[in-house]
Amino acid sequence: MDLSALKTWLLQDGKVIYGPVKQLPGKKGHATPTGVFHVSAKVKNYHSKAFDAPMPNSVFFLPGIAFHTGSLSVYSHGCIHLSAAASQKYFTTLQNGDVVQVVA
């Protein structure tokens, strides 16, 4: 995903298979980390206790940081907000261990 372009996409064998789609990352002071990570968990109907907020289609790649359905007009606390359709596609496509690359 490209944080500055506010875009993310899915690759398979080096080819784009979905996207690019709009995303909103973490806001100032809660920036989404950059680097290469791996999908560590998926939770269909996750509810954040820290923010008392639903996070449907959560695909975690760092502790507390995930792709999930969220506002495309409000920046997050580090997660990657996607539309409902995009988060569903990410949830069904990505598997534990898959690579997640985040660039500034």
N, C-alpha and C. Protein backbone atom coordinates (compact mmCIF):
# COMPACT_ATOMS: atom_id res chain seq x y z
N MET A 1 0.84 -1.17 0.00
CA MET A 1 0.00 0.00 0.00
C MET A 1 0.88 1.23 0.00
N ASP A 2 0.38 2.28 -0.58
CA ASP A 2 1.10 3.54 -0.69
C ASP A 2 0.37 4.58 0.17
N LEU A 3 0.99 4.93 1.30
CA LEU A 3 0.34 5.85 2.24
C LEU A 3 0.14 7.23 1.66
N SER A 4 1.13 7.76 0.95
CA SER A 4 1.01 9.13 0.43
C SER A 4 0.00 9.22 -0.71
N ALA A 5 -0.14 8.17 -1.49
CA ALA A 5 -1.11 8.16 -2.59
C ALA A 5 -2.51 7.76 -2.12
N LEU A 6 -2.62 7.29 -0.86
CA LEU A 6 -3.90 6.83 -0.29
C LEU A 6 -4.51 5.72 -1.13
N LYS A 7 -3.65 4.84 -1.64
CA LYS A 7 -4.10 3.71 -2.48
C LYS A 7 -3.53 2.41 -1.94
N THR A 8 -4.24 1.34 -2.17
CA THR A 8 -3.78 0.00 -1.84
C THR A 8 -4.31 -0.96 -2.90
N TRP A 9 -3.62 -2.07 -3.05
CA TRP A 9 -4.01 -3.06 -4.05
C TRP A 9 -3.50 -4.42 -3.62
N LEU A 10 -4.05 -5.45 -4.25
CA LEU A 10 -3.62 -6.82 -3.98
C LEU A 10 -2.81 -7.33 -5.16
N LEU A 11 -1.72 -8.02 -4.85
CA LEU A 11 -0.86 -8.62 -5.87
C LEU A 11 -0.85 -10.13 -5.70
N GLN A 12 -0.72 -10.80 -6.83
CA GLN A 12 -0.49 -12.25 -6.82
C GLN A 12 0.53 -12.54 -7.90
N ASP A 13 1.61 -13.19 -7.54
CA ASP A 13 2.70 -13.49 -8.47
C ASP A 13 3.19 -12.22 -9.17
N GLY A 14 3.25 -11.11 -8.42
CA GLY A 14 3.77 -9.86 -8.95
C GLY A 14 2.81 -9.07 -9.82
N LYS A 15 1.57 -9.53 -9.96
CA LYS A 15 0.58 -8.85 -10.80
C LYS A 15 -0.59 -8.37 -9.96
N VAL A 16 -1.09 -7.17 -10.29
CA VAL A 16 -2.24 -6.63 -9.58
C VAL A 16 -3.47 -7.46 -9.91
N ILE A 17 -4.12 -7.98 -8.85
CA ILE A 17 -5.36 -8.76 -9.05
C ILE A 17 -6.59 -8.01 -8.53
N TYR A 18 -6.35 -6.91 -7.79
CA TYR A 18 -7.46 -6.09 -7.30
C TYR A 18 -6.94 -4.70 -6.97
N GLY A 19 -7.66 -3.68 -7.43
CA GLY A 19 -7.29 -2.31 -7.12
C GLY A 19 -6.54 -1.65 -8.25
N PRO A 20 -5.99 -0.48 -7.99
CA PRO A 20 -5.89 0.13 -6.67
C PRO A 20 -7.23 0.67 -6.17
N VAL A 21 -7.38 0.66 -4.85
CA VAL A 21 -8.56 1.22 -4.21
C VAL A 21 -8.12 2.26 -3.19
N LYS A 22 -9.03 3.18 -2.88
CA LYS A 22 -8.74 4.22 -1.89
C LYS A 22 -8.63 3.59 -0.50
N GLN A 23 -7.71 4.14 0.28
CA GLN A 23 -7.58 3.75 1.68
C GLN A 23 -7.23 5.00 2.49
N LEU A 24 -7.53 4.97 3.76
CA LEU A 24 -7.10 6.04 4.67
C LEU A 24 -6.31 5.40 5.80
N PRO A 25 -5.07 5.85 5.99
CA PRO A 25 -4.21 5.29 7.04
C PRO A 25 -4.35 6.07 8.34
N GLY A 26 -3.37 5.87 9.22
CA GLY A 26 -3.36 6.54 10.52
C GLY A 26 -3.13 8.03 10.40
N LYS A 27 -3.77 8.77 11.31
CA LYS A 27 -3.65 10.22 11.33
C LYS A 27 -2.34 10.64 11.99
N LYS A 28 -2.04 11.92 11.91
CA LYS A 28 -0.82 12.47 12.52
C LYS A 28 -0.80 12.09 14.00
N GLY A 29 0.34 11.59 14.43
CA GLY A 29 0.48 11.13 15.80
C GLY A 29 0.11 9.68 15.99
N HIS A 30 -0.53 9.08 15.00
CA HIS A 30 -0.92 7.67 15.02
C HIS A 30 -0.64 7.06 13.64
N ALA A 31 0.52 7.38 13.09
CA ALA A 31 0.85 6.97 11.73
C ALA A 31 0.88 5.45 11.57
N THR A 32 0.42 4.99 10.43
CA THR A 32 0.55 3.58 10.08
C THR A 32 2.03 3.29 9.85
N PRO A 33 2.57 2.26 10.48
CA PRO A 33 3.99 1.94 10.30
C PRO A 33 4.30 1.53 8.86
N THR A 34 5.49 1.90 8.41
CA THR A 34 5.94 1.46 7.09
C THR A 34 6.88 0.27 7.25
N GLY A 35 6.96 -0.52 6.18
CA GLY A 35 7.84 -1.69 6.20
C GLY A 35 7.16 -2.88 5.56
N VAL A 36 7.79 -4.03 5.75
CA VAL A 36 7.24 -5.29 5.22
C VAL A 36 6.79 -6.13 6.41
N PHE A 37 5.54 -6.54 6.38
CA PHE A 37 4.92 -7.28 7.46
C PHE A 37 4.24 -8.53 6.89
N HIS A 38 3.63 -9.31 7.76
CA HIS A 38 2.88 -10.50 7.33
C HIS A 38 1.53 -10.53 8.03
N VAL A 39 0.51 -11.00 7.31
CA VAL A 39 -0.81 -11.16 7.90
C VAL A 39 -0.67 -12.12 9.08
N SER A 40 -1.15 -11.68 10.24
CA SER A 40 -1.02 -12.49 11.45
C SER A 40 -2.34 -13.04 11.96
N ALA A 41 -3.45 -12.40 11.60
CA ALA A 41 -4.77 -12.85 12.06
C ALA A 41 -5.85 -12.20 11.22
N LYS A 42 -7.00 -12.89 11.16
CA LYS A 42 -8.18 -12.35 10.49
C LYS A 42 -9.37 -12.55 11.42
N VAL A 43 -10.17 -11.46 11.59
CA VAL A 43 -11.35 -11.54 12.44
C VAL A 43 -12.50 -10.88 11.70
N LYS A 44 -13.50 -11.66 11.33
CA LYS A 44 -14.61 -11.17 10.52
C LYS A 44 -15.37 -10.01 11.17
N ASN A 45 -15.71 -10.14 12.45
CA ASN A 45 -16.51 -9.13 13.13
C ASN A 45 -15.79 -8.62 14.38
N TYR A 46 -14.59 -8.10 14.19
CA TYR A 46 -13.79 -7.61 15.32
C TYR A 46 -14.41 -6.33 15.88
N HIS A 47 -14.34 -6.19 17.20
CA HIS A 47 -14.79 -4.96 17.87
C HIS A 47 -13.64 -4.46 18.73
N SER A 48 -13.17 -3.27 18.44
CA SER A 48 -12.06 -2.69 19.18
C SER A 48 -12.51 -2.26 20.57
N LYS A 49 -11.87 -2.83 21.59
CA LYS A 49 -12.16 -2.41 22.96
C LYS A 49 -11.54 -1.04 23.22
N ALA A 50 -10.36 -0.79 22.64
CA ALA A 50 -9.66 0.48 22.85
C ALA A 50 -10.48 1.67 22.36
N PHE A 51 -11.19 1.49 21.24
CA PHE A 51 -11.94 2.60 20.65
C PHE A 51 -13.45 2.36 20.68
N ASP A 52 -13.87 1.25 21.29
CA ASP A 52 -15.28 0.85 21.34
C ASP A 52 -15.93 1.03 19.97
N ALA A 53 -15.31 0.39 18.99
CA ALA A 53 -15.77 0.56 17.61
C ALA A 53 -15.73 -0.76 16.85
N PRO A 54 -16.73 -0.99 16.00
CA PRO A 54 -16.68 -2.18 15.14
C PRO A 54 -15.62 -2.00 14.06
N MET A 55 -14.94 -3.09 13.73
CA MET A 55 -13.92 -3.09 12.68
C MET A 55 -14.14 -4.34 11.81
N PRO A 56 -15.21 -4.33 11.00
CA PRO A 56 -15.52 -5.50 10.19
C PRO A 56 -14.38 -5.87 9.23
N ASN A 57 -14.26 -7.15 8.96
CA ASN A 57 -13.28 -7.69 7.99
C ASN A 57 -11.85 -7.31 8.36
N SER A 58 -11.50 -7.42 9.64
CA SER A 58 -10.15 -7.06 10.08
C SER A 58 -9.12 -8.09 9.63
N VAL A 59 -8.08 -7.59 8.98
CA VAL A 59 -6.93 -8.41 8.57
C VAL A 59 -5.71 -7.75 9.24
N PHE A 60 -5.25 -8.36 10.34
CA PHE A 60 -4.16 -7.79 11.13
C PHE A 60 -2.80 -8.15 10.52
N PHE A 61 -1.90 -7.15 10.47
CA PHE A 61 -0.54 -7.40 10.02
C PHE A 61 0.49 -6.92 11.04
N LEU A 62 0.04 -6.29 12.09
CA LEU A 62 0.84 -5.91 13.26
C LEU A 62 -0.13 -5.94 14.45
N PRO A 63 0.37 -6.10 15.67
CA PRO A 63 -0.55 -6.04 16.80
C PRO A 63 -1.30 -4.70 16.83
N GLY A 64 -2.62 -4.77 16.78
CA GLY A 64 -3.44 -3.57 16.82
C GLY A 64 -3.56 -2.81 15.52
N ILE A 65 -2.94 -3.30 14.44
CA ILE A 65 -2.98 -2.61 13.14
C ILE A 65 -3.54 -3.58 12.10
N ALA A 66 -4.60 -3.14 11.40
CA ALA A 66 -5.27 -4.02 10.45
C ALA A 66 -5.86 -3.23 9.28
N PHE A 67 -6.11 -3.94 8.18
CA PHE A 67 -7.02 -3.46 7.15
C PHE A 67 -8.41 -3.75 7.71
N HIS A 68 -9.38 -2.83 7.56
CA HIS A 68 -10.76 -3.13 7.95
C HIS A 68 -11.71 -2.10 7.34
N THR A 69 -12.99 -2.42 7.36
CA THR A 69 -14.00 -1.47 6.91
C THR A 69 -13.93 -0.25 7.82
N GLY A 70 -13.86 0.92 7.19
CA GLY A 70 -13.81 2.15 7.97
C GLY A 70 -14.10 3.36 7.10
N SER A 71 -14.19 4.49 7.73
CA SER A 71 -14.48 5.73 7.03
C SER A 71 -13.39 6.08 6.03
N LEU A 72 -13.80 6.50 4.85
CA LEU A 72 -12.85 6.98 3.85
C LEU A 72 -12.75 8.51 3.88
N SER A 73 -13.27 9.10 4.97
CA SER A 73 -13.12 10.55 5.15
C SER A 73 -12.51 10.90 6.51
N VAL A 74 -12.30 9.89 7.36
CA VAL A 74 -11.71 10.11 8.68
C VAL A 74 -10.49 9.20 8.83
N TYR A 75 -9.33 9.81 9.10
CA TYR A 75 -8.11 9.03 9.30
C TYR A 75 -8.21 8.19 10.57
N SER A 76 -7.48 7.08 10.61
CA SER A 76 -7.55 6.12 11.71
C SER A 76 -6.51 6.39 12.79
N HIS A 77 -6.43 5.47 13.72
CA HIS A 77 -5.40 5.49 14.77
C HIS A 77 -4.27 4.52 14.40
N GLY A 78 -4.03 4.32 13.11
CA GLY A 78 -2.95 3.45 12.64
C GLY A 78 -3.40 2.37 11.69
N CYS A 79 -4.67 2.00 11.77
CA CYS A 79 -5.20 0.98 10.86
C CYS A 79 -5.37 1.54 9.45
N ILE A 80 -5.76 0.67 8.54
CA ILE A 80 -6.04 1.07 7.16
C ILE A 80 -7.54 0.95 6.93
N HIS A 81 -8.20 2.08 6.77
CA HIS A 81 -9.63 2.09 6.46
C HIS A 81 -9.84 1.77 4.98
N LEU A 82 -10.76 0.86 4.73
CA LEU A 82 -11.17 0.50 3.37
C LEU A 82 -12.69 0.58 3.26
N SER A 83 -13.19 0.68 2.03
CA SER A 83 -14.64 0.59 1.83
C SER A 83 -15.10 -0.80 2.24
N ALA A 84 -16.40 -0.98 2.43
CA ALA A 84 -16.93 -2.29 2.80
C ALA A 84 -16.59 -3.34 1.74
N ALA A 85 -16.73 -2.96 0.46
CA ALA A 85 -16.43 -3.92 -0.63
C ALA A 85 -14.96 -4.28 -0.66
N ALA A 86 -14.08 -3.28 -0.52
CA ALA A 86 -12.64 -3.56 -0.56
C ALA A 86 -12.22 -4.38 0.66
N SER A 87 -12.75 -4.06 1.83
CA SER A 87 -12.36 -4.83 3.02
C SER A 87 -12.82 -6.28 2.91
N GLN A 88 -13.97 -6.50 2.30
CA GLN A 88 -14.44 -7.88 2.09
C GLN A 88 -13.48 -8.62 1.15
N LYS A 89 -13.06 -7.97 0.08
CA LYS A 89 -12.12 -8.58 -0.86
C LYS A 89 -10.79 -8.89 -0.17
N TYR A 90 -10.27 -7.96 0.62
CA TYR A 90 -9.01 -8.19 1.34
C TYR A 90 -9.18 -9.35 2.32
N PHE A 91 -10.32 -9.37 3.03
CA PHE A 91 -10.55 -10.42 4.02
C PHE A 91 -10.60 -11.79 3.37
N THR A 92 -11.26 -11.90 2.24
CA THR A 92 -11.38 -13.23 1.60
C THR A 92 -10.11 -13.63 0.85
N THR A 93 -9.32 -12.66 0.39
CA THR A 93 -8.14 -12.96 -0.42
C THR A 93 -6.89 -13.20 0.43
N LEU A 94 -6.64 -12.34 1.40
CA LEU A 94 -5.42 -12.45 2.19
C LEU A 94 -5.50 -13.61 3.18
N GLN A 95 -4.38 -14.30 3.35
CA GLN A 95 -4.28 -15.42 4.27
C GLN A 95 -3.15 -15.19 5.26
N ASN A 96 -3.21 -15.86 6.40
CA ASN A 96 -2.14 -15.75 7.39
C ASN A 96 -0.80 -16.03 6.72
N GLY A 97 0.17 -15.16 7.00
CA GLY A 97 1.50 -15.30 6.43
C GLY A 97 1.73 -14.50 5.18
N ASP A 98 0.66 -14.03 4.51
CA ASP A 98 0.82 -13.24 3.29
C ASP A 98 1.58 -11.94 3.61
N VAL A 99 2.36 -11.49 2.65
CA VAL A 99 3.16 -10.28 2.82
C VAL A 99 2.30 -9.03 2.67
N VAL A 100 2.54 -8.06 3.55
CA VAL A 100 1.91 -6.74 3.49
C VAL A 100 3.06 -5.73 3.44
N GLN A 101 3.12 -4.96 2.36
CA GLN A 101 4.17 -3.95 2.22
C GLN A 101 3.54 -2.58 2.29
N VAL A 102 4.05 -1.75 3.22
CA VAL A 102 3.54 -0.40 3.44
C VAL A 102 4.68 0.58 3.13
N VAL A 103 4.44 1.46 2.14
CA VAL A 103 5.44 2.47 1.78
C VAL A 103 4.85 3.85 2.02
N ALA A 104 5.77 4.78 2.33
CA ALA A 104 5.37 6.16 2.56
C ALA A 104 5.20 6.86 1.23
